[in-house]
Amino acid sequence: PKTPLIAVGTSLGGGIALDTVSRYLKRFSGIMVVNSFTSIQELLLEKGGIVLWPFASVLTQNWNSRLRVAEIGRKAAEHNLKMMFVISTEDELIPNRHCEILHETALNYGLSSR
């Protein structure tokens, strides 16, 4: 791109940013994900267990961030896109393990560093 674009997303916004970058990869030079989740379904199951699980099936968007990171990783080599993950241990809604999993996935594709 002529003007480098960097997507930034926090929490649910991280899922949206990853989805956007995976669709329009050539337009972005980077992405920063701040304490986001692996997927809405996994988050609902983890936070609400069996009580919230039925709601996961009616969601129109899965926001599968782990899958989006892998999609970006498979396509990003020729675009030199980089990812940065900010992981909070103080977030009361999204367990930091979710963002750690996203970071590990990005590491497997060379999109991020420790």
Protein backbone atom coordinates (compact mmCIF):
# COMPACT_ATOMS: atom_id res chain seq x y z
CA PRO A 1 0.00 0.00 0.00
CA LYS A 2 1.07 3.60 -0.59
CA THR A 3 0.17 4.58 2.96
CA PRO A 4 0.88 1.77 5.43
CA LEU A 5 -2.26 0.71 7.28
CA ILE A 6 -2.12 -0.93 10.68
CA ALA A 7 -5.26 -2.50 12.12
CA VAL A 8 -5.72 -2.31 15.89
CA GLY A 9 -8.36 -4.19 17.83
CA THR A 10 -9.09 -4.71 21.51
CA SER A 11 -11.28 -7.51 22.86
CA LEU A 12 -14.11 -8.03 20.33
CA GLY A 13 -12.36 -5.47 18.14
CA GLY A 14 -9.42 -7.86 17.87
CA GLY A 15 -11.65 -10.41 16.17
CA ILE A 16 -13.01 -7.77 13.84
CA ALA A 17 -9.51 -6.46 13.02
CA LEU A 18 -8.25 -9.98 12.26
CA ASP A 19 -11.26 -10.67 10.05
CA THR A 20 -10.76 -7.39 8.18
CA VAL A 21 -7.04 -7.97 7.62
CA SER A 22 -7.66 -11.54 6.43
CA ARG A 23 -10.10 -10.18 3.80
CA TYR A 24 -8.01 -7.20 2.67
CA LEU A 25 -4.47 -8.39 3.42
CA LYS A 26 -2.76 -6.45 0.62
CA ARG A 27 -3.90 -3.15 2.12
CA PHE A 28 -2.30 -3.71 5.55
CA SER A 29 1.28 -3.71 6.75
CA GLY A 30 0.54 -4.70 10.34
CA ILE A 31 -1.98 -5.58 12.99
CA MET A 32 -2.03 -5.13 16.76
CA VAL A 33 -4.36 -7.34 18.77
CA VAL A 34 -5.01 -6.37 22.38
CA ASN A 35 -6.36 -9.07 24.67
CA SER A 36 -8.67 -10.72 22.19
CA PHE A 37 -10.23 -14.17 22.10
CA THR A 38 -9.74 -17.34 20.05
CA SER A 39 -13.44 -17.49 19.12
CA ILE A 40 -16.74 -16.31 20.56
CA GLN A 41 -17.89 -19.91 21.04
CA GLU A 42 -14.78 -20.85 23.03
CA LEU A 43 -15.13 -17.72 25.14
CA LEU A 44 -18.82 -18.37 25.90
CA LEU A 45 -18.13 -21.98 26.81
CA GLU A 46 -15.23 -21.01 29.05
CA LYS A 47 -16.95 -18.08 30.77
CA GLY A 48 -20.50 -19.39 31.04
CA GLY A 49 -20.17 -23.11 30.60
CA ILE A 50 -23.29 -25.01 29.76
CA VAL A 51 -25.51 -22.04 30.70
CA LEU A 52 -24.28 -19.76 27.88
CA TRP A 53 -23.42 -22.45 25.32
CA PRO A 54 -26.91 -22.46 23.64
CA PHE A 55 -26.43 -18.78 22.78
CA ALA A 56 -23.29 -19.60 20.81
CA SER A 57 -25.34 -21.48 18.22
CA VAL A 58 -27.50 -18.44 17.39
CA LEU A 59 -24.61 -16.07 16.78
CA THR A 60 -24.37 -14.99 13.16
CA GLN A 61 -20.62 -14.36 13.46
CA ASN A 62 -18.20 -16.85 15.00
CA TRP A 63 -15.27 -14.42 15.02
CA ASN A 64 -12.83 -17.33 14.92
CA SER A 65 -9.66 -15.33 15.52
CA ARG A 66 -7.39 -18.37 15.63
CA LEU A 67 -8.53 -19.37 12.14
CA ARG A 68 -8.06 -15.79 10.88
CA VAL A 69 -4.48 -15.67 12.21
CA ALA A 70 -3.73 -18.93 10.37
CA GLU A 71 -5.34 -17.61 7.15
CA ILE A 72 -3.26 -14.44 7.37
CA GLY A 73 -0.16 -16.54 8.09
CA ARG A 74 -0.65 -18.66 4.98
CA LYS A 75 -1.00 -15.57 2.76
CA ALA A 76 1.22 -13.01 4.46
CA ALA A 77 4.73 -14.15 3.49
CA GLU A 78 4.84 -12.09 0.32
CA HIS A 79 3.28 -9.04 2.03
CA ASN A 80 5.73 -8.73 4.95
CA LEU A 81 2.84 -8.20 7.38
CA LYS A 82 3.68 -8.23 11.09
CA MET A 83 1.50 -8.84 14.13
CA MET A 84 1.81 -7.57 17.67
CA PHE A 85 -0.11 -8.99 20.61
CA VAL A 86 -0.72 -7.17 23.88
CA ILE A 87 -1.78 -9.60 26.58
CA SER A 88 -3.24 -8.42 29.88
CA THR A 89 -3.31 -10.54 32.98
CA GLU A 90 -5.87 -8.16 34.53
CA ASP A 91 -8.70 -8.52 31.99
CA GLU A 92 -11.82 -9.78 33.78
CA LEU A 93 -13.73 -10.73 30.63
CA ILE A 94 -11.24 -12.43 28.31
CA PRO A 95 -8.74 -14.88 29.83
CA ASN A 96 -5.20 -14.03 28.73
CA ARG A 97 -4.79 -17.63 27.54
CA HIS A 98 -6.91 -16.78 24.48
CA CYS A 99 -4.54 -14.07 23.24
CA GLU A 100 -1.55 -16.26 24.11
CA ILE A 101 -2.95 -18.95 21.78
CA LEU A 102 -3.35 -16.36 19.00
CA HIS A 103 0.24 -15.24 19.55
CA GLU A 104 1.53 -18.81 19.41
CA THR A 105 -0.37 -19.34 16.15
CA ALA A 106 1.22 -16.18 14.71
CA LEU A 107 4.66 -17.37 15.83
CA ASN A 108 4.16 -20.61 13.89
CA TYR A 109 3.77 -18.53 10.71
CA GLY A 110 6.60 -16.10 11.47
CA LEU A 111 4.18 -13.18 11.85
CA SER A 112 5.28 -12.19 15.32
CA SER A 113 8.21 -12.49 17.70
CA ARG A 114 8.59 -13.07 21.41
